[in-house]
Amino acid sequence: MINLGIRDNLAIGDVLSIQQAGGSMVDEVERSRMTLQQRFRTMFKRDQMQMPGKEIGTLLVYKTFEQMSYAVIISSTEPATLNNLVVSP
C-alpha cells in the first residue's frame, strides 16, 4: 500500500522507485559564512540538509483509489519498510 492515488495522477501500470530516506547533515560551509550572531541563532536549531535517498527497489501499481494505491514490489535489493519513499524513477 502506498499513500499516493488518483489525486496524485497515479495510474494502474505506473512503475515507481522505492527509496530509503537519506541522512541529514549540518552544512558547515554555509555556517562558516555566517556572522557570529547568526551562528548562535542557528546553534540549537541545527539547520540540516537532507541527503538524497538510496534506491532499494521498484514497484508496479495495480489498483488505484482516490488517496491510496496497491502496488507489488517487482525488484528489491533490501527489504522495504514502513515510511520508505516512493518516487518516479
PDB file of N, CA and C in Angstrom:
ATOM      1  N   MET A   1       0.835  -1.163   0.000  1.00  0.00           N
ATOM      2  CA  MET A   1       0.000   0.000   0.000  1.00  0.00           C
ATOM      3  C   MET A   1       0.886   1.234   0.000  1.00  0.00           C
ATOM      4  N   ILE A   2       0.509   2.218  -0.813  1.00  0.00           N
ATOM      5  CA  ILE A   2       1.222   3.488  -0.827  1.00  0.00           C
ATOM      6  C   ILE A   2       0.216   4.625  -0.681  1.00  0.00           C
ATOM      7  N   ASN A   3       0.676   5.736  -0.155  1.00  0.00           N
ATOM      8  CA  ASN A   3      -0.234   6.855   0.117  1.00  0.00           C
ATOM      9  C   ASN A   3      -0.326   7.836  -1.048  1.00  0.00           C
ATOM     10  N   LEU A   4      -0.262   7.344  -2.260  1.00  0.00           N
ATOM     11  CA  LEU A   4      -0.476   8.134  -3.470  1.00  0.00           C
ATOM     12  C   LEU A   4      -1.631   7.504  -4.228  1.00  0.00           C
ATOM     13  N   GLY A   5      -2.426   8.326  -4.899  1.00  0.00           N
ATOM     14  CA  GLY A   5      -3.568   7.782  -5.615  1.00  0.00           C
ATOM     15  C   GLY A   5      -3.931   8.592  -6.834  1.00  0.00           C
ATOM     16  N   ILE A   6      -5.194   8.509  -7.210  1.00  0.00           N
ATOM     17  CA  ILE A   6      -5.693   9.187  -8.406  1.00  0.00           C
ATOM     18  C   ILE A   6      -5.483  10.695  -8.301  1.00  0.00           C
ATOM     19  N   ARG A   7      -5.684  11.259  -7.116  1.00  0.00           N
ATOM     20  CA  ARG A   7      -5.499  12.709  -6.951  1.00  0.00           C
ATOM     21  C   ARG A   7      -4.046  13.135  -7.160  1.00  0.00           C
ATOM     22  N   ASP A   8      -3.112  12.177  -7.088  1.00  0.00           N
ATOM     23  CA  ASP A   8      -1.691  12.447  -7.331  1.00  0.00           C
ATOM     24  C   ASP A   8      -1.280  12.058  -8.744  1.00  0.00           C
ATOM     25  N   ASN A   9      -2.267  11.836  -9.619  1.00  0.00           N
ATOM     26  CA  ASN A   9      -2.054  11.444 -11.020  1.00  0.00           C
ATOM     27  C   ASN A   9      -1.361  10.093 -11.157  1.00  0.00           C
ATOM     28  N   LEU A  10      -1.611   9.195 -10.221  1.00  0.00           N
ATOM     29  CA  LEU A  10      -1.072   7.846 -10.293  1.00  0.00           C
ATOM     30  C   LEU A  10      -2.065   6.971 -11.057  1.00  0.00           C
ATOM     31  N   ALA A  11      -1.556   6.104 -11.898  1.00  0.00           N
ATOM     32  CA  ALA A  11      -2.423   5.258 -12.716  1.00  0.00           C
ATOM     33  C   ALA A  11      -1.971   3.802 -12.624  1.00  0.00           C
ATOM     34  N   ILE A  12      -2.877   2.906 -12.951  1.00  0.00           N
ATOM     35  CA  ILE A  12      -2.551   1.480 -12.990  1.00  0.00           C
ATOM     36  C   ILE A  12      -1.456   1.272 -14.035  1.00  0.00           C
ATOM     37  N   GLY A  13      -0.433   0.509 -13.670  1.00  0.00           N
ATOM     38  CA  GLY A  13       0.676   0.238 -14.566  1.00  0.00           C
ATOM     39  C   GLY A  13       1.884   1.141 -14.353  1.00  0.00           C
ATOM     40  N   ASP A  14       1.766   2.168 -13.510  1.00  0.00           N
ATOM     41  CA  ASP A  14       2.910   3.035 -13.227  1.00  0.00           C
ATOM     42  C   ASP A  14       3.981   2.255 -12.471  1.00  0.00           C
ATOM     43  N   VAL A  15       5.224   2.504 -12.828  1.00  0.00           N
ATOM     44  CA  VAL A  15       6.367   1.891 -12.155  1.00  0.00           C
ATOM     45  C   VAL A  15       7.054   2.980 -11.346  1.00  0.00           C
ATOM     46  N   LEU A  16       7.259   2.718 -10.046  1.00  0.00           N
ATOM     47  CA  LEU A  16       7.863   3.693  -9.145  1.00  0.00           C
ATOM     48  C   LEU A  16       9.091   3.117  -8.476  1.00  0.00           C
ATOM     49  N   SER A  17       9.957   3.990  -8.022  1.00  0.00           N
ATOM     50  CA  SER A  17      11.183   3.610  -7.338  1.00  0.00           C
ATOM     51  C   SER A  17      10.960   3.686  -5.828  1.00  0.00           C
ATOM     52  N   ILE A  18      11.479   2.717  -5.096  1.00  0.00           N
ATOM     53  CA  ILE A  18      11.421   2.709  -3.634  1.00  0.00           C
ATOM     54  C   ILE A  18      12.769   3.205  -3.129  1.00  0.00           C
ATOM     55  N   GLN A  19      12.746   4.190  -2.232  1.00  0.00           N
ATOM     56  CA  GLN A  19      13.991   4.740  -1.712  1.00  0.00           C
ATOM     57  C   GLN A  19      13.986   4.771  -0.195  1.00  0.00           C
ATOM     58  N   GLN A  20      15.154   4.480   0.375  1.00  0.00           N
ATOM     59  CA  GLN A  20      15.341   4.683   1.808  1.00  0.00           C
ATOM     60  C   GLN A  20      15.632   6.166   1.992  1.00  0.00           C
ATOM     61  N   ALA A  21      15.142   6.727   3.062  1.00  0.00           N
ATOM     62  CA  ALA A  21      15.414   8.137   3.335  1.00  0.00           C
ATOM     63  C   ALA A  21      16.905   8.329   3.571  1.00  0.00           C
ATOM     64  N   GLY A  22      17.443   9.390   3.009  1.00  0.00           N
ATOM     65  CA  GLY A  22      18.849   9.701   3.205  1.00  0.00           C
ATOM     66  C   GLY A  22      19.067  10.343   4.560  1.00  0.00           C
ATOM     67  N   GLY A  23      20.288  10.388   4.976  1.00  0.00           N
ATOM     68  CA  GLY A  23      20.622  11.014   6.244  1.00  0.00           C
ATOM     69  C   GLY A  23      20.585  12.526   6.140  1.00  0.00           C
ATOM     70  N   SER A  24      20.853  13.167   7.222  1.00  0.00           N
ATOM     71  CA  SER A  24      20.907  14.622   7.209  1.00  0.00           C
ATOM     72  C   SER A  24      22.220  15.054   7.840  1.00  0.00           C
ATOM     73  N   MET A  25      22.685  16.225   7.438  1.00  0.00           N
ATOM     74  CA  MET A  25      23.943  16.730   7.969  1.00  0.00           C
ATOM     75  C   MET A  25      23.897  18.246   8.042  1.00  0.00           C
ATOM     76  N   VAL A  26      24.744  18.801   8.874  1.00  0.00           N
ATOM     77  CA  VAL A  26      24.838  20.238   9.026  1.00  0.00           C
ATOM     78  C   VAL A  26      25.716  20.779   7.902  1.00  0.00           C
ATOM     79  N   ASP A  27      25.288  21.861   7.285  1.00  0.00           N
ATOM     80  CA  ASP A  27      26.051  22.491   6.213  1.00  0.00           C
ATOM     81  C   ASP A  27      27.111  23.395   6.828  1.00  0.00           C
ATOM     82  N   GLU A  28      28.292  22.846   7.045  1.00  0.00           N
ATOM     83  CA  GLU A  28      29.374  23.592   7.687  1.00  0.00           C
ATOM     84  C   GLU A  28      29.908  24.708   6.795  1.00  0.00           C
ATOM     85  N   VAL A  29      29.852  24.553   5.481  1.00  0.00           N
ATOM     86  CA  VAL A  29      30.318  25.596   4.573  1.00  0.00           C
ATOM     87  C   VAL A  29      29.455  26.839   4.722  1.00  0.00           C
ATOM     88  N   GLU A  30      28.147  26.637   4.710  1.00  0.00           N
ATOM     89  CA  GLU A  30      27.229  27.767   4.878  1.00  0.00           C
ATOM     90  C   GLU A  30      27.395  28.384   6.267  1.00  0.00           C
ATOM     91  N   ARG A  31      27.561  27.551   7.278  1.00  0.00           N
ATOM     92  CA  ARG A  31      27.724  28.053   8.641  1.00  0.00           C
ATOM     93  C   ARG A  31      28.998  28.883   8.776  1.00  0.00           C
ATOM     94  N   SER A  32      30.071  28.519   8.053  1.00  0.00           N
ATOM     95  CA  SER A  32      31.325  29.277   8.143  1.00  0.00           C
ATOM     96  C   SER A  32      31.186  30.674   7.539  1.00  0.00           C
ATOM     97  N   ARG A  33      30.221  30.889   6.676  1.00  0.00           N
ATOM     98  CA  ARG A  33      29.992  32.203   6.062  1.00  0.00           C
ATOM     99  C   ARG A  33      29.142  33.112   6.942  1.00  0.00           C
ATOM    100  N   MET A  34      28.552  32.576   7.990  1.00  0.00           N
ATOM    101  CA  MET A  34      27.661  33.354   8.851  1.00  0.00           C
ATOM    102  C   MET A  34      28.448  34.209   9.830  1.00  0.00           C
ATOM    103  N   THR A  35      27.804  35.274  10.267  1.00  0.00           N
ATOM    104  CA  THR A  35      28.386  36.075  11.341  1.00  0.00           C
ATOM    105  C   THR A  35      28.247  35.303  12.648  1.00  0.00           C
ATOM    106  N   LEU A  36      28.946  35.756  13.669  1.00  0.00           N
ATOM    107  CA  LEU A  36      28.890  35.084  14.965  1.00  0.00           C
ATOM    108  C   LEU A  36      27.468  35.091  15.518  1.00  0.00           C
ATOM    109  N   GLN A  37      26.768  36.198  15.340  1.00  0.00           N
ATOM    110  CA  GLN A  37      25.389  36.303  15.827  1.00  0.00           C
ATOM    111  C   GLN A  37      24.485  35.296  15.115  1.00  0.00           C
ATOM    112  N   GLN A  38      24.631  35.127  13.801  1.00  0.00           N
ATOM    113  CA  GLN A  38      23.824  34.157  13.053  1.00  0.00           C
ATOM    114  C   GLN A  38      24.142  32.733  13.487  1.00  0.00           C
ATOM    115  N   ARG A  39      25.414  32.461  13.773  1.00  0.00           N
ATOM    116  CA  ARG A  39      25.792  31.108  14.226  1.00  0.00           C
ATOM    117  C   ARG A  39      25.104  30.757  15.542  1.00  0.00           C
ATOM    118  N   PHE A  40      25.075  31.719  16.485  1.00  0.00           N
ATOM    119  CA  PHE A  40      24.416  31.467  17.764  1.00  0.00           C
ATOM    120  C   PHE A  40      22.928  31.216  17.572  1.00  0.00           C
ATOM    121  N   ARG A  41      22.300  31.939  16.648  1.00  0.00           N
ATOM    122  CA  ARG A  41      20.882  31.735  16.382  1.00  0.00           C
ATOM    123  C   ARG A  41      20.593  30.346  15.844  1.00  0.00           C
ATOM    124  N   THR A  42      21.487  29.807  15.036  1.00  0.00           N
ATOM    125  CA  THR A  42      21.258  28.502  14.409  1.00  0.00           C
ATOM    126  C   THR A  42      21.869  27.344  15.200  1.00  0.00           C
ATOM    127  N   MET A  43      22.603  27.647  16.263  1.00  0.00           N
ATOM    128  CA  MET A  43      23.292  26.584  17.010  1.00  0.00           C
ATOM    129  C   MET A  43      22.323  25.531  17.527  1.00  0.00           C
ATOM    130  N   PHE A  44      21.223  25.950  18.105  1.00  0.00           N
ATOM    131  CA  PHE A  44      20.284  24.997  18.686  1.00  0.00           C
ATOM    132  C   PHE A  44      19.256  24.526  17.674  1.00  0.00           C
ATOM    133  N   LYS A  45      19.039  25.308  16.649  1.00  0.00           N
ATOM    134  CA  LYS A  45      18.097  24.901  15.615  1.00  0.00           C
ATOM    135  C   LYS A  45      18.718  23.822  14.730  1.00  0.00           C
ATOM    136  N   ARG A  46      20.030  23.856  14.580  1.00  0.00           N
ATOM    137  CA  ARG A  46      20.782  22.850  13.797  1.00  0.00           C
ATOM    138  C   ARG A  46      20.195  22.684  12.401  1.00  0.00           C
ATOM    139  N   ASP A  47      20.257  23.759  11.619  1.00  0.00           N
ATOM    140  CA  ASP A  47      19.815  23.687  10.225  1.00  0.00           C
ATOM    141  C   ASP A  47      20.542  22.538   9.539  1.00  0.00           C
ATOM    142  N   GLN A  48      19.796  21.604   9.029  1.00  0.00           N
ATOM    143  CA  GLN A  48      20.403  20.429   8.425  1.00  0.00           C
ATOM    144  C   GLN A  48      19.924  20.252   7.002  1.00  0.00           C
ATOM    145  N   MET A  49      20.816  19.750   6.164  1.00  0.00           N
ATOM    146  CA  MET A  49      20.482  19.440   4.777  1.00  0.00           C
ATOM    147  C   MET A  49      20.051  17.982   4.710  1.00  0.00           C
ATOM    148  N   GLN A  50      19.052  17.705   3.898  1.00  0.00           N
ATOM    149  CA  GLN A  50      18.609  16.327   3.689  1.00  0.00           C
ATOM    150  C   GLN A  50      19.404  15.743   2.527  1.00  0.00           C
ATOM    151  N   MET A  51      20.080  14.646   2.761  1.00  0.00           N
ATOM    152  CA  MET A  51      20.861  13.987   1.723  1.00  0.00           C
ATOM    153  C   MET A  51      19.934  13.116   0.875  1.00  0.00           C
ATOM    154  N   PRO A  52      20.300  12.887  -0.382  1.00  0.00           N
ATOM    155  CA  PRO A  52      19.447  12.052  -1.241  1.00  0.00           C
ATOM    156  C   PRO A  52      19.343  10.626  -0.702  1.00  0.00           C
ATOM    157  N   GLY A  53      18.219  10.003  -0.992  1.00  0.00           N
ATOM    158  CA  GLY A  53      17.991   8.637  -0.551  1.00  0.00           C
ATOM    159  C   GLY A  53      18.671   7.615  -1.448  1.00  0.00           C
ATOM    160  N   LYS A  54      18.655   6.379  -1.003  1.00  0.00           N
ATOM    161  CA  LYS A  54      19.257   5.275  -1.742  1.00  0.00           C
ATOM    162  C   LYS A  54      18.137   4.427  -2.331  1.00  0.00           C
ATOM    163  N   GLU A  55      18.210   4.166  -3.642  1.00  0.00           N
ATOM    164  CA  GLU A  55      17.183   3.353  -4.288  1.00  0.00           C
ATOM    165  C   GLU A  55      17.362   1.895  -3.876  1.00  0.00           C
ATOM    166  N   ILE A  56      16.264   1.294  -3.391  1.00  0.00           N
ATOM    167  CA  ILE A  56      16.351  -0.099  -2.940  1.00  0.00           C
ATOM    168  C   ILE A  56      15.441  -1.029  -3.729  1.00  0.00           C
ATOM    169  N   GLY A  57      14.646  -0.482  -4.660  1.00  0.00           N
ATOM    170  CA  GLY A  57      13.780  -1.362  -5.435  1.00  0.00           C
ATOM    171  C   GLY A  57      12.811  -0.612  -6.324  1.00  0.00           C
ATOM    172  N   THR A  58      11.961  -1.388  -7.012  1.00  0.00           N
ATOM    173  CA  THR A  58      10.922  -0.809  -7.864  1.00  0.00           C
ATOM    174  C   THR A  58       9.609  -1.514  -7.580  1.00  0.00           C
ATOM    175  N   LEU A  59       8.519  -0.800  -7.834  1.00  0.00           N
ATOM    176  CA  LEU A  59       7.207  -1.409  -7.639  1.00  0.00           C
ATOM    177  C   LEU A  59       6.288  -1.045  -8.791  1.00  0.00           C
ATOM    178  N   LEU A  60       5.233  -1.850  -8.964  1.00  0.00           N
ATOM    179  CA  LEU A  60       4.253  -1.683 -10.032  1.00  0.00           C
ATOM    180  C   LEU A  60       2.878  -1.476  -9.405  1.00  0.00           C
ATOM    181  N   VAL A  61       2.221  -0.382  -9.772  1.00  0.00           N
ATOM    182  CA  VAL A  61       0.892  -0.064  -9.246  1.00  0.00           C
ATOM    183  C   VAL A  61      -0.142  -0.909  -9.981  1.00  0.00           C
ATOM    184  N   TYR A  62      -1.008  -1.627  -9.227  1.00  0.00           N
ATOM    185  CA  TYR A  62      -2.017  -2.461  -9.871  1.00  0.00           C
ATOM    186  C   TYR A  62      -3.457  -2.099  -9.508  1.00  0.00           C
ATOM    187  N   LYS A  63      -3.664  -1.235  -8.512  1.00  0.00           N
ATOM    188  CA  LYS A  63      -5.017  -0.805  -8.161  1.00  0.00           C
ATOM    189  C   LYS A  63      -4.924   0.581  -7.541  1.00  0.00           C
ATOM    190  N   THR A  64      -5.699   1.540  -8.076  1.00  0.00           N
ATOM    191  CA  THR A  64      -5.646   2.897  -7.543  1.00  0.00           C
ATOM    192  C   THR A  64      -6.995   3.296  -6.949  1.00  0.00           C
ATOM    193  N   PHE A  65      -6.920   4.121  -5.917  1.00  0.00           N
ATOM    194  CA  PHE A  65      -8.077   4.729  -5.287  1.00  0.00           C
ATOM    195  C   PHE A  65      -7.811   6.229  -5.230  1.00  0.00           C
ATOM    196  N   GLU A  66      -8.722   6.987  -4.659  1.00  0.00           N
ATOM    197  CA  GLU A  66      -8.573   8.434  -4.632  1.00  0.00           C
ATOM    198  C   GLU A  66      -7.297   8.878  -3.903  1.00  0.00           C
ATOM    199  N   GLN A  67      -7.035   8.312  -2.718  1.00  0.00           N
ATOM    200  CA  GLN A  67      -5.909   8.778  -1.904  1.00  0.00           C
ATOM    201  C   GLN A  67      -4.852   7.716  -1.619  1.00  0.00           C
ATOM    202  N   MET A  68      -5.002   6.522  -2.161  1.00  0.00           N
ATOM    203  CA  MET A  68      -4.025   5.449  -1.928  1.00  0.00           C
ATOM    204  C   MET A  68      -4.039   4.483  -3.100  1.00  0.00           C
ATOM    205  N   SER A  69      -3.042   3.612  -3.132  1.00  0.00           N
ATOM    206  CA  SER A  69      -2.955   2.610  -4.202  1.00  0.00           C
ATOM    207  C   SER A  69      -2.333   1.337  -3.661  1.00  0.00           C
ATOM    208  N   TYR A  70      -2.595   0.252  -4.387  1.00  0.00           N
ATOM    209  CA  TYR A  70      -1.934  -1.021  -4.112  1.00  0.00           C
ATOM    210  C   TYR A  70      -0.858  -1.217  -5.165  1.00  0.00           C
ATOM    211  N   ALA A  71       0.277  -1.744  -4.726  1.00  0.00           N
ATOM    212  CA  ALA A  71       1.375  -1.985  -5.647  1.00  0.00           C
ATOM    213  C   ALA A  71       2.099  -3.251  -5.230  1.00  0.00           C
ATOM    214  N   VAL A  72       2.769  -3.862  -6.192  1.00  0.00           N
ATOM    215  CA  VAL A  72       3.564  -5.055  -5.919  1.00  0.00           C
ATOM    216  C   VAL A  72       5.031  -4.714  -6.176  1.00  0.00           C
ATOM    217  N   ILE A  73       5.898  -5.179  -5.292  1.00  0.00           N
ATOM    218  CA  ILE A  73       7.331  -4.925  -5.449  1.00  0.00           C
ATOM    219  C   ILE A  73       7.861  -5.866  -6.522  1.00  0.00           C
ATOM    220  N   ILE A  74       8.431  -5.301  -7.567  1.00  0.00           N
ATOM    221  CA  ILE A  74       8.969  -6.079  -8.686  1.00  0.00           C
ATOM    222  C   ILE A  74      10.380  -6.552  -8.385  1.00  0.00           C
ATOM    223  N   SER A  75      11.203  -5.634  -7.888  1.00  0.00           N
ATOM    224  CA  SER A  75      12.581  -5.994  -7.546  1.00  0.00           C
ATOM    225  C   SER A  75      12.995  -5.223  -6.305  1.00  0.00           C
ATOM    226  N   SER A  76      13.926  -5.804  -5.564  1.00  0.00           N
ATOM    227  CA  SER A  76      14.368  -5.162  -4.341  1.00  0.00           C
ATOM    228  C   SER A  76      15.768  -5.654  -3.977  1.00  0.00           C
ATOM    229  N   THR A  77      16.625  -4.738  -3.577  1.00  0.00           N
ATOM    230  CA  THR A  77      17.962  -5.113  -3.114  1.00  0.00           C
ATOM    231  C   THR A  77      18.014  -5.202  -1.597  1.00  0.00           C
ATOM    232  N   GLU A  78      17.031  -4.561  -0.928  1.00  0.00           N
ATOM    233  CA  GLU A  78      16.916  -4.592   0.527  1.00  0.00           C
ATOM    234  C   GLU A  78      15.436  -4.664   0.883  1.00  0.00           C
ATOM    235  N   PRO A  79      15.105  -5.111   2.077  1.00  0.00           N
ATOM    236  CA  PRO A  79      13.696  -5.162   2.459  1.00  0.00           C
ATOM    237  C   PRO A  79      13.070  -3.765   2.511  1.00  0.00           C
ATOM    238  N   ALA A  80      11.877  -3.637   1.974  1.00  0.00           N
ATOM    239  CA  ALA A  80      11.135  -2.381   2.065  1.00  0.00           C
ATOM    240  C   ALA A  80      10.518  -2.298   3.453  1.00  0.00           C
ATOM    241  N   THR A  81      10.532  -1.106   4.021  1.00  0.00           N
ATOM    242  CA  THR A  81       9.980  -0.911   5.354  1.00  0.00           C
ATOM    243  C   THR A  81       8.967   0.228   5.337  1.00  0.00           C
ATOM    244  N   LEU A  82       8.238   0.341   6.419  1.00  0.00           N
ATOM    245  CA  LEU A  82       7.279   1.419   6.579  1.00  0.00           C
ATOM    246  C   LEU A  82       8.005   2.755   6.466  1.00  0.00           C
ATOM    247  N   ASN A  83       7.401   3.695   5.790  1.00  0.00           N
ATOM    248  CA  ASN A  83       7.931   5.051   5.600  1.00  0.00           C
ATOM    249  C   ASN A  83       9.070   5.143   4.588  1.00  0.00           C
ATOM    250  N   ASN A  84       9.306   4.109   3.769  1.00  0.00           N
ATOM    251  CA  ASN A  84      10.208   4.276   2.635  1.00  0.00           C
ATOM    252  C   ASN A  84       9.554   5.253   1.671  1.00  0.00           C
ATOM    253  N   LEU A  85      10.356   5.996   0.950  1.00  0.00           N
ATOM    254  CA  LEU A  85       9.824   6.939  -0.034  1.00  0.00           C
ATOM    255  C   LEU A  85       9.535   6.224  -1.334  1.00  0.00           C
ATOM    256  N   VAL A  86       8.495   6.679  -2.039  1.00  0.00           N
ATOM    257  CA  VAL A  86       8.152   6.134  -3.359  1.00  0.00           C
ATOM    258  C   VAL A  86       8.165   7.313  -4.314  1.00  0.00           C
ATOM    259  N   VAL A  87       9.035   7.240  -5.335  1.00  0.00           N
ATOM    260  CA  VAL A  87       9.188   8.367  -6.256  1.00  0.00           C
ATOM    261  C   VAL A  87       9.210   7.864  -7.689  1.00  0.00           C
ATOM    262  N   SER A  88       9.007   8.786  -8.606  1.00  0.00           N
ATOM    263  CA  SER A  88       9.101   8.453 -10.022  1.00  0.00           C
ATOM    264  C   SER A  88      10.570   8.240 -10.375  1.00  0.00           C
ATOM    265  N   PRO A  89      10.894   7.142 -11.059  1.00  0.00           N
ATOM    266  CA  PRO A  89      12.311   6.871 -11.361  1.00  0.00           C
ATOM    267  C   PRO A  89      12.923   7.853 -12.343  1.00  0.00           C
TER     268      PRO A  89
END
